[in-house]
């Protein structure tokens, strides 16, 4: 369940950021 929550959070962050930022910058924010 912890892994599922982490994956969901990562998905939500990516879906929000990719609407504004290029992919390489999204990866920089997540990392």
ModelCIF file with pLDDT and N, C-alpha, C, O atoms, coordinates in Angstrom:
data_MODEL
#
_entry.id   MODEL 
#
_entity.id                         1 
_entity.type                       polymer 
_entity.pdbx_number_of_molecules   1 
#
_entity_poly.entity_id                      1 
_entity_poly.type                           'polypeptide(L)' 
_entity_poly.nstd_linkage                   no 
_entity_poly.nstd_monomer                   no 
_entity_poly.pdbx_seq_one_letter_code       
;(UNK)(UNK)(UNK)(UNK)(UNK)(UNK)(UNK)(UNK)(UNK)(UNK)(UNK)(UNK)(UNK)(UNK)(UNK)(UNK)
(UNK)(UNK)(UNK)(UNK)(UNK)(UNK)(UNK)(UNK)(UNK)(UNK)(UNK)(UNK)(UNK)(UNK)(UNK)
;
_entity_poly.pdbx_seq_one_letter_code_can   XXXXXXXXXXXXXXXXXXXXXXXXXXXXXXX 
_entity_poly.pdbx_strand_id                 A 
#
loop_
_entity_poly_seq.entity_id 
_entity_poly_seq.num 
_entity_poly_seq.mon_id 
_entity_poly_seq.hetero 
1 1  UNK n 
1 2  UNK n 
1 3  UNK n 
1 4  UNK n 
1 5  UNK n 
1 6  UNK n 
1 7  UNK n 
1 8  UNK n 
1 9  UNK n 
1 10 UNK n 
1 11 UNK n 
1 12 UNK n 
1 13 UNK n 
1 14 UNK n 
1 15 UNK n 
1 16 UNK n 
1 17 UNK n 
1 18 UNK n 
1 19 UNK n 
1 20 UNK n 
1 21 UNK n 
1 22 UNK n 
1 23 UNK n 
1 24 UNK n 
1 25 UNK n 
1 26 UNK n 
1 27 UNK n 
1 28 UNK n 
1 29 UNK n 
1 30 UNK n 
1 31 UNK n 
#
_struct_asym.id          A 
_struct_asym.entity_id   1 
#
loop_
_ma_qa_metric.id 
_ma_qa_metric.mode 
_ma_qa_metric.name 
_ma_qa_metric.software_group_id 
_ma_qa_metric.type 
1 global pLDDT . pLDDT 
2 local  pLDDT . pLDDT 
#
_ma_qa_metric_global.metric_id      1 
_ma_qa_metric_global.metric_value   66.19 
_ma_qa_metric_global.model_id       1 
_ma_qa_metric_global.ordinal_id     1 
#
loop_
_ma_qa_metric_local.label_asym_id 
_ma_qa_metric_local.label_comp_id 
_ma_qa_metric_local.label_seq_id 
_ma_qa_metric_local.metric_id 
_ma_qa_metric_local.metric_value 
_ma_qa_metric_local.model_id 
_ma_qa_metric_local.ordinal_id 
A UNK 1  2 70.00 1 1  
A UNK 2  2 70.00 1 2  
A UNK 3  2 69.00 1 3  
A UNK 4  2 61.00 1 4  
A UNK 5  2 55.00 1 5  
A UNK 6  2 65.00 1 6  
A UNK 7  2 61.00 1 7  
A UNK 8  2 50.00 1 8  
A UNK 9  2 58.00 1 9  
A UNK 10 2 63.00 1 10 
A UNK 11 2 57.00 1 11 
A UNK 12 2 50.00 1 12 
A UNK 13 2 60.00 1 13 
A UNK 14 2 58.00 1 14 
A UNK 15 2 56.00 1 15 
A UNK 16 2 65.00 1 16 
A UNK 17 2 68.00 1 17 
A UNK 18 2 65.00 1 18 
A UNK 19 2 67.00 1 19 
A UNK 20 2 68.00 1 20 
A UNK 21 2 70.00 1 21 
A UNK 22 2 69.00 1 22 
A UNK 23 2 73.00 1 23 
A UNK 24 2 72.00 1 24 
A UNK 25 2 73.00 1 25 
A UNK 26 2 75.00 1 26 
A UNK 27 2 78.00 1 27 
A UNK 28 2 78.00 1 28 
A UNK 29 2 75.00 1 29 
A UNK 30 2 75.00 1 30 
A UNK 31 2 78.00 1 31 
#
loop_
_atom_site.group_PDB 
_atom_site.id 
_atom_site.type_symbol 
_atom_site.label_atom_id 
_atom_site.label_alt_id 
_atom_site.label_comp_id 
_atom_site.label_asym_id 
_atom_site.label_entity_id 
_atom_site.label_seq_id 
_atom_site.pdbx_PDB_ins_code 
_atom_site.Cartn_x 
_atom_site.Cartn_y 
_atom_site.Cartn_z 
_atom_site.occupancy 
_atom_site.B_iso_or_equiv 
_atom_site.pdbx_formal_charge 
_atom_site.auth_seq_id 
_atom_site.auth_comp_id 
_atom_site.auth_asym_id 
_atom_site.auth_atom_id 
_atom_site.pdbx_PDB_model_num 
ATOM 1   N N  . UNK A 1 1  ? 0.828  -1.214 0.000   1.00 70.00 ? 1  UNK A N  1 
ATOM 2   C CA . UNK A 1 1  ? 0.000  0.000  0.000   1.00 70.00 ? 1  UNK A CA 1 
ATOM 3   C C  . UNK A 1 1  ? 0.862  1.263  0.000   1.00 70.00 ? 1  UNK A C  1 
ATOM 4   O O  . UNK A 1 1  ? 0.505  2.256  -0.635  1.00 70.00 ? 1  UNK A O  1 
ATOM 5   N N  . UNK A 1 2  ? 1.969  1.231  0.693   1.00 70.00 ? 2  UNK A N  1 
ATOM 6   C CA . UNK A 1 2  ? 2.883  2.375  0.686   1.00 70.00 ? 2  UNK A CA 1 
ATOM 7   C C  . UNK A 1 2  ? 3.402  2.629  -0.730  1.00 70.00 ? 2  UNK A C  1 
ATOM 8   O O  . UNK A 1 2  ? 3.497  3.774  -1.171  1.00 70.00 ? 2  UNK A O  1 
ATOM 9   N N  . UNK A 1 3  ? 3.735  1.545  -1.436  1.00 69.00 ? 3  UNK A N  1 
ATOM 10  C CA . UNK A 1 3  ? 4.197  1.684  -2.815  1.00 69.00 ? 3  UNK A CA 1 
ATOM 11  C C  . UNK A 1 3  ? 3.100  2.242  -3.710  1.00 69.00 ? 3  UNK A C  1 
ATOM 12  O O  . UNK A 1 3  ? 3.371  3.060  -4.590  1.00 69.00 ? 3  UNK A O  1 
ATOM 13  N N  . UNK A 1 4  ? 1.857  1.806  -3.491  1.00 61.00 ? 4  UNK A N  1 
ATOM 14  C CA . UNK A 1 4  ? 0.734  2.304  -4.288  1.00 61.00 ? 4  UNK A CA 1 
ATOM 15  C C  . UNK A 1 4  ? 0.531  3.800  -4.061  1.00 61.00 ? 4  UNK A C  1 
ATOM 16  O O  . UNK A 1 4  ? 0.310  4.551  -5.011  1.00 61.00 ? 4  UNK A O  1 
ATOM 17  N N  . UNK A 1 5  ? 0.608  4.233  -2.794  1.00 55.00 ? 5  UNK A N  1 
ATOM 18  C CA . UNK A 1 5  ? 0.445  5.653  -2.474  1.00 55.00 ? 5  UNK A CA 1 
ATOM 19  C C  . UNK A 1 5  ? 1.569  6.468  -3.102  1.00 55.00 ? 5  UNK A C  1 
ATOM 20  O O  . UNK A 1 5  ? 1.328  7.547  -3.644  1.00 55.00 ? 5  UNK A O  1 
ATOM 21  N N  . UNK A 1 6  ? 2.793  5.956  -3.031  1.00 65.00 ? 6  UNK A N  1 
ATOM 22  C CA . UNK A 1 6  ? 3.938  6.656  -3.619  1.00 65.00 ? 6  UNK A CA 1 
ATOM 23  C C  . UNK A 1 6  ? 3.776  6.790  -5.136  1.00 65.00 ? 6  UNK A C  1 
ATOM 24  O O  . UNK A 1 6  ? 4.046  7.849  -5.702  1.00 65.00 ? 6  UNK A O  1 
ATOM 25  N N  . UNK A 1 7  ? 3.337  5.719  -5.784  1.00 61.00 ? 7  UNK A N  1 
ATOM 26  C CA . UNK A 1 7  ? 3.118  5.759  -7.231  1.00 61.00 ? 7  UNK A CA 1 
ATOM 27  C C  . UNK A 1 7  ? 2.004  6.724  -7.588  1.00 61.00 ? 7  UNK A C  1 
ATOM 28  O O  . UNK A 1 7  ? 2.093  7.435  -8.589  1.00 61.00 ? 7  UNK A O  1 
ATOM 29  N N  . UNK A 1 8  ? 0.943  6.754  -6.771  1.00 50.00 ? 8  UNK A N  1 
ATOM 30  C CA . UNK A 1 8  ? -0.166 7.670  -7.025  1.00 50.00 ? 8  UNK A CA 1 
ATOM 31  C C  . UNK A 1 8  ? 0.281  9.116  -6.873  1.00 50.00 ? 8  UNK A C  1 
ATOM 32  O O  . UNK A 1 8  ? -0.070 9.965  -7.693  1.00 50.00 ? 8  UNK A O  1 
ATOM 33  N N  . UNK A 1 9  ? 1.053  9.401  -5.828  1.00 58.00 ? 9  UNK A N  1 
ATOM 34  C CA . UNK A 1 9  ? 1.566  10.761 -5.635  1.00 58.00 ? 9  UNK A CA 1 
ATOM 35  C C  . UNK A 1 9  ? 2.452  11.181 -6.796  1.00 58.00 ? 9  UNK A C  1 
ATOM 36  O O  . UNK A 1 9  ? 2.360  12.308 -7.283  1.00 58.00 ? 9  UNK A O  1 
ATOM 37  N N  . UNK A 1 10 ? 3.312  10.269 -7.237  1.00 63.00 ? 10 UNK A N  1 
ATOM 38  C CA . UNK A 1 10 ? 4.200  10.553 -8.370  1.00 63.00 ? 10 UNK A CA 1 
ATOM 39  C C  . UNK A 1 10 ? 3.383  10.835 -9.621  1.00 63.00 ? 10 UNK A C  1 
ATOM 40  O O  . UNK A 1 10 ? 3.707  11.738 -10.392 1.00 63.00 ? 10 UNK A O  1 
ATOM 41  N N  . UNK A 1 11 ? 2.311  10.050 -9.821  1.00 57.00 ? 11 UNK A N  1 
ATOM 42  C CA . UNK A 1 11 ? 1.444  10.236 -10.987 1.00 57.00 ? 11 UNK A CA 1 
ATOM 43  C C  . UNK A 1 11 ? 0.741  11.588 -10.939 1.00 57.00 ? 11 UNK A C  1 
ATOM 44  O O  . UNK A 1 11 ? 0.656  12.293 -11.945 1.00 57.00 ? 11 UNK A O  1 
ATOM 45  N N  . UNK A 1 12 ? 0.236  11.941 -9.751  1.00 50.00 ? 12 UNK A N  1 
ATOM 46  C CA . UNK A 1 12 ? -0.474 13.215 -9.608  1.00 50.00 ? 12 UNK A CA 1 
ATOM 47  C C  . UNK A 1 12 ? 0.467  14.395 -9.834  1.00 50.00 ? 12 UNK A C  1 
ATOM 48  O O  . UNK A 1 12 ? 0.095  15.378 -10.475 1.00 50.00 ? 12 UNK A O  1 
ATOM 49  N N  . UNK A 1 13 ? 1.688  14.297 -9.307  1.00 60.00 ? 13 UNK A N  1 
ATOM 50  C CA . UNK A 1 13 ? 2.669  15.363 -9.502  1.00 60.00 ? 13 UNK A CA 1 
ATOM 51  C C  . UNK A 1 13 ? 2.994  15.520 -10.972 1.00 60.00 ? 13 UNK A C  1 
ATOM 52  O O  . UNK A 1 13 ? 3.007  16.631 -11.502 1.00 60.00 ? 13 UNK A O  1 
ATOM 53  N N  . UNK A 1 14 ? 3.257  14.398 -11.630 1.00 58.00 ? 14 UNK A N  1 
ATOM 54  C CA . UNK A 1 14 ? 3.615  14.443 -13.041 1.00 58.00 ? 14 UNK A CA 1 
ATOM 55  C C  . UNK A 1 14 ? 2.473  14.996 -13.889 1.00 58.00 ? 14 UNK A C  1 
ATOM 56  O O  . UNK A 1 14 ? 2.692  15.824 -14.774 1.00 58.00 ? 14 UNK A O  1 
ATOM 57  N N  . UNK A 1 15 ? 1.246  14.531 -13.614 1.00 56.00 ? 15 UNK A N  1 
ATOM 58  C CA . UNK A 1 15 ? 0.104  14.994 -14.401 1.00 56.00 ? 15 UNK A CA 1 
ATOM 59  C C  . UNK A 1 15 ? -0.118 16.488 -14.231 1.00 56.00 ? 15 UNK A C  1 
ATOM 60  O O  . UNK A 1 15 ? -0.567 17.165 -15.155 1.00 56.00 ? 15 UNK A O  1 
ATOM 61  N N  . UNK A 1 16 ? 0.198  17.000 -13.045 1.00 65.00 ? 16 UNK A N  1 
ATOM 62  C CA . UNK A 1 16 ? 0.052  18.433 -12.838 1.00 65.00 ? 16 UNK A CA 1 
ATOM 63  C C  . UNK A 1 16 ? 1.156  19.227 -13.505 1.00 65.00 ? 16 UNK A C  1 
ATOM 64  O O  . UNK A 1 16 ? 0.891  20.247 -14.141 1.00 65.00 ? 16 UNK A O  1 
ATOM 65  N N  . UNK A 1 17 ? 2.397  18.768 -13.366 1.00 68.00 ? 17 UNK A N  1 
ATOM 66  C CA . UNK A 1 17 ? 3.537  19.521 -13.876 1.00 68.00 ? 17 UNK A CA 1 
ATOM 67  C C  . UNK A 1 17 ? 3.649  19.472 -15.394 1.00 68.00 ? 17 UNK A C  1 
ATOM 68  O O  . UNK A 1 17 ? 4.036  20.459 -16.019 1.00 68.00 ? 17 UNK A O  1 
ATOM 69  N N  . UNK A 1 18 ? 3.313  18.328 -15.994 1.00 65.00 ? 18 UNK A N  1 
ATOM 70  C CA . UNK A 1 18 ? 3.498  18.216 -17.443 1.00 65.00 ? 18 UNK A CA 1 
ATOM 71  C C  . UNK A 1 18 ? 2.577  19.141 -18.220 1.00 65.00 ? 18 UNK A C  1 
ATOM 72  O O  . UNK A 1 18 ? 2.768  19.337 -19.420 1.00 65.00 ? 18 UNK A O  1 
ATOM 73  N N  . UNK A 1 19 ? 1.594  19.706 -17.561 1.00 67.00 ? 19 UNK A N  1 
ATOM 74  C CA . UNK A 1 19 ? 0.735  20.669 -18.242 1.00 67.00 ? 19 UNK A CA 1 
ATOM 75  C C  . UNK A 1 19 ? 1.418  22.018 -18.409 1.00 67.00 ? 19 UNK A C  1 
ATOM 76  O O  . UNK A 1 19 ? 0.942  22.866 -19.164 1.00 67.00 ? 19 UNK A O  1 
ATOM 77  N N  . UNK A 1 20 ? 2.526  22.222 -17.712 1.00 68.00 ? 20 UNK A N  1 
ATOM 78  C CA . UNK A 1 20 ? 3.202  23.508 -17.749 1.00 68.00 ? 20 UNK A CA 1 
ATOM 79  C C  . UNK A 1 20 ? 4.673  23.425 -18.151 1.00 68.00 ? 20 UNK A C  1 
ATOM 80  O O  . UNK A 1 20 ? 5.211  24.357 -18.748 1.00 68.00 ? 20 UNK A O  1 
ATOM 81  N N  . UNK A 1 21 ? 5.314  22.319 -17.827 1.00 70.00 ? 21 UNK A N  1 
ATOM 82  C CA . UNK A 1 21 ? 6.768  22.247 -17.965 1.00 70.00 ? 21 UNK A CA 1 
ATOM 83  C C  . UNK A 1 21 ? 7.204  21.156 -18.934 1.00 70.00 ? 21 UNK A C  1 
ATOM 84  O O  . UNK A 1 21 ? 6.527  20.139 -19.084 1.00 70.00 ? 21 UNK A O  1 
ATOM 85  N N  . UNK A 1 22 ? 8.349  21.377 -19.595 1.00 69.00 ? 22 UNK A N  1 
ATOM 86  C CA . UNK A 1 22 ? 8.918  20.334 -20.452 1.00 69.00 ? 22 UNK A CA 1 
ATOM 87  C C  . UNK A 1 22 ? 9.267  19.098 -19.620 1.00 69.00 ? 22 UNK A C  1 
ATOM 88  O O  . UNK A 1 22 ? 9.533  19.219 -18.424 1.00 69.00 ? 22 UNK A O  1 
ATOM 89  N N  . UNK A 1 23 ? 9.269  17.919 -20.232 1.00 73.00 ? 23 UNK A N  1 
ATOM 90  C CA . UNK A 1 23 ? 9.514  16.668 -19.494 1.00 73.00 ? 23 UNK A CA 1 
ATOM 91  C C  . UNK A 1 23 ? 10.807 16.672 -18.686 1.00 73.00 ? 23 UNK A C  1 
ATOM 92  O O  . UNK A 1 23 ? 10.825 16.181 -17.558 1.00 73.00 ? 23 UNK A O  1 
ATOM 93  N N  . UNK A 1 24 ? 11.906 17.226 -19.250 1.00 72.00 ? 24 UNK A N  1 
ATOM 94  C CA . UNK A 1 24 ? 13.170 17.183 -18.523 1.00 72.00 ? 24 UNK A CA 1 
ATOM 95  C C  . UNK A 1 24 ? 13.126 18.027 -17.254 1.00 72.00 ? 24 UNK A C  1 
ATOM 96  O O  . UNK A 1 24 ? 13.797 17.705 -16.273 1.00 72.00 ? 24 UNK A O  1 
ATOM 97  N N  . UNK A 1 25 ? 12.349 19.097 -17.265 1.00 73.00 ? 25 UNK A N  1 
ATOM 98  C CA . UNK A 1 25 ? 12.222 19.922 -16.064 1.00 73.00 ? 25 UNK A CA 1 
ATOM 99  C C  . UNK A 1 25 ? 11.327 19.233 -15.045 1.00 73.00 ? 25 UNK A C  1 
ATOM 100 O O  . UNK A 1 25 ? 11.572 19.335 -13.843 1.00 73.00 ? 25 UNK A O  1 
ATOM 101 N N  . UNK A 1 26 ? 10.290 18.530 -15.506 1.00 75.00 ? 26 UNK A N  1 
ATOM 102 C CA . UNK A 1 26 ? 9.432  17.759 -14.607 1.00 75.00 ? 26 UNK A CA 1 
ATOM 103 C C  . UNK A 1 26 ? 10.270 16.730 -13.860 1.00 75.00 ? 26 UNK A C  1 
ATOM 104 O O  . UNK A 1 26 ? 10.138 16.579 -12.645 1.00 75.00 ? 26 UNK A O  1 
ATOM 105 N N  . UNK A 1 27 ? 11.131 16.024 -14.584 1.00 78.00 ? 27 UNK A N  1 
ATOM 106 C CA . UNK A 1 27 ? 11.988 15.030 -13.951 1.00 78.00 ? 27 UNK A CA 1 
ATOM 107 C C  . UNK A 1 27 ? 12.931 15.690 -12.937 1.00 78.00 ? 27 UNK A C  1 
ATOM 108 O O  . UNK A 1 27 ? 13.234 15.113 -11.893 1.00 78.00 ? 27 UNK A O  1 
ATOM 109 N N  . UNK A 1 28 ? 13.390 16.902 -13.257 1.00 78.00 ? 28 UNK A N  1 
ATOM 110 C CA . UNK A 1 28 ? 14.260 17.621 -12.331 1.00 78.00 ? 28 UNK A CA 1 
ATOM 111 C C  . UNK A 1 28 ? 13.552 17.985 -11.044 1.00 78.00 ? 28 UNK A C  1 
ATOM 112 O O  . UNK A 1 28 ? 14.144 17.927 -9.966  1.00 78.00 ? 28 UNK A O  1 
ATOM 113 N N  . UNK A 1 29 ? 12.276 18.364 -11.150 1.00 75.00 ? 29 UNK A N  1 
ATOM 114 C CA . UNK A 1 29 ? 11.487 18.701 -9.964  1.00 75.00 ? 29 UNK A CA 1 
ATOM 115 C C  . UNK A 1 29 ? 11.247 17.460 -9.113  1.00 75.00 ? 29 UNK A C  1 
ATOM 116 O O  . UNK A 1 29 ? 11.386 17.504 -7.891  1.00 75.00 ? 29 UNK A O  1 
ATOM 117 N N  . UNK A 1 30 ? 10.886 16.350 -9.761  1.00 75.00 ? 30 UNK A N  1 
ATOM 118 C CA . UNK A 1 30 ? 10.598 15.122 -9.034  1.00 75.00 ? 30 UNK A CA 1 
ATOM 119 C C  . UNK A 1 30 ? 11.849 14.577 -8.353  1.00 75.00 ? 30 UNK A C  1 
ATOM 120 O O  . UNK A 1 30 ? 11.777 14.056 -7.240  1.00 75.00 ? 30 UNK A O  1 
ATOM 121 N N  . UNK A 1 31 ? 12.994 14.696 -9.022  1.00 78.00 ? 31 UNK A N  1 
ATOM 122 C CA . UNK A 1 31 ? 14.244 14.192 -8.455  1.00 78.00 ? 31 UNK A CA 1 
ATOM 123 C C  . UNK A 1 31 ? 14.802 15.106 -7.370  1.00 78.00 ? 31 UNK A C  1 
ATOM 124 O O  . UNK A 1 31 ? 15.852 14.815 -6.797  1.00 78.00 ? 31 UNK A O  1 
#
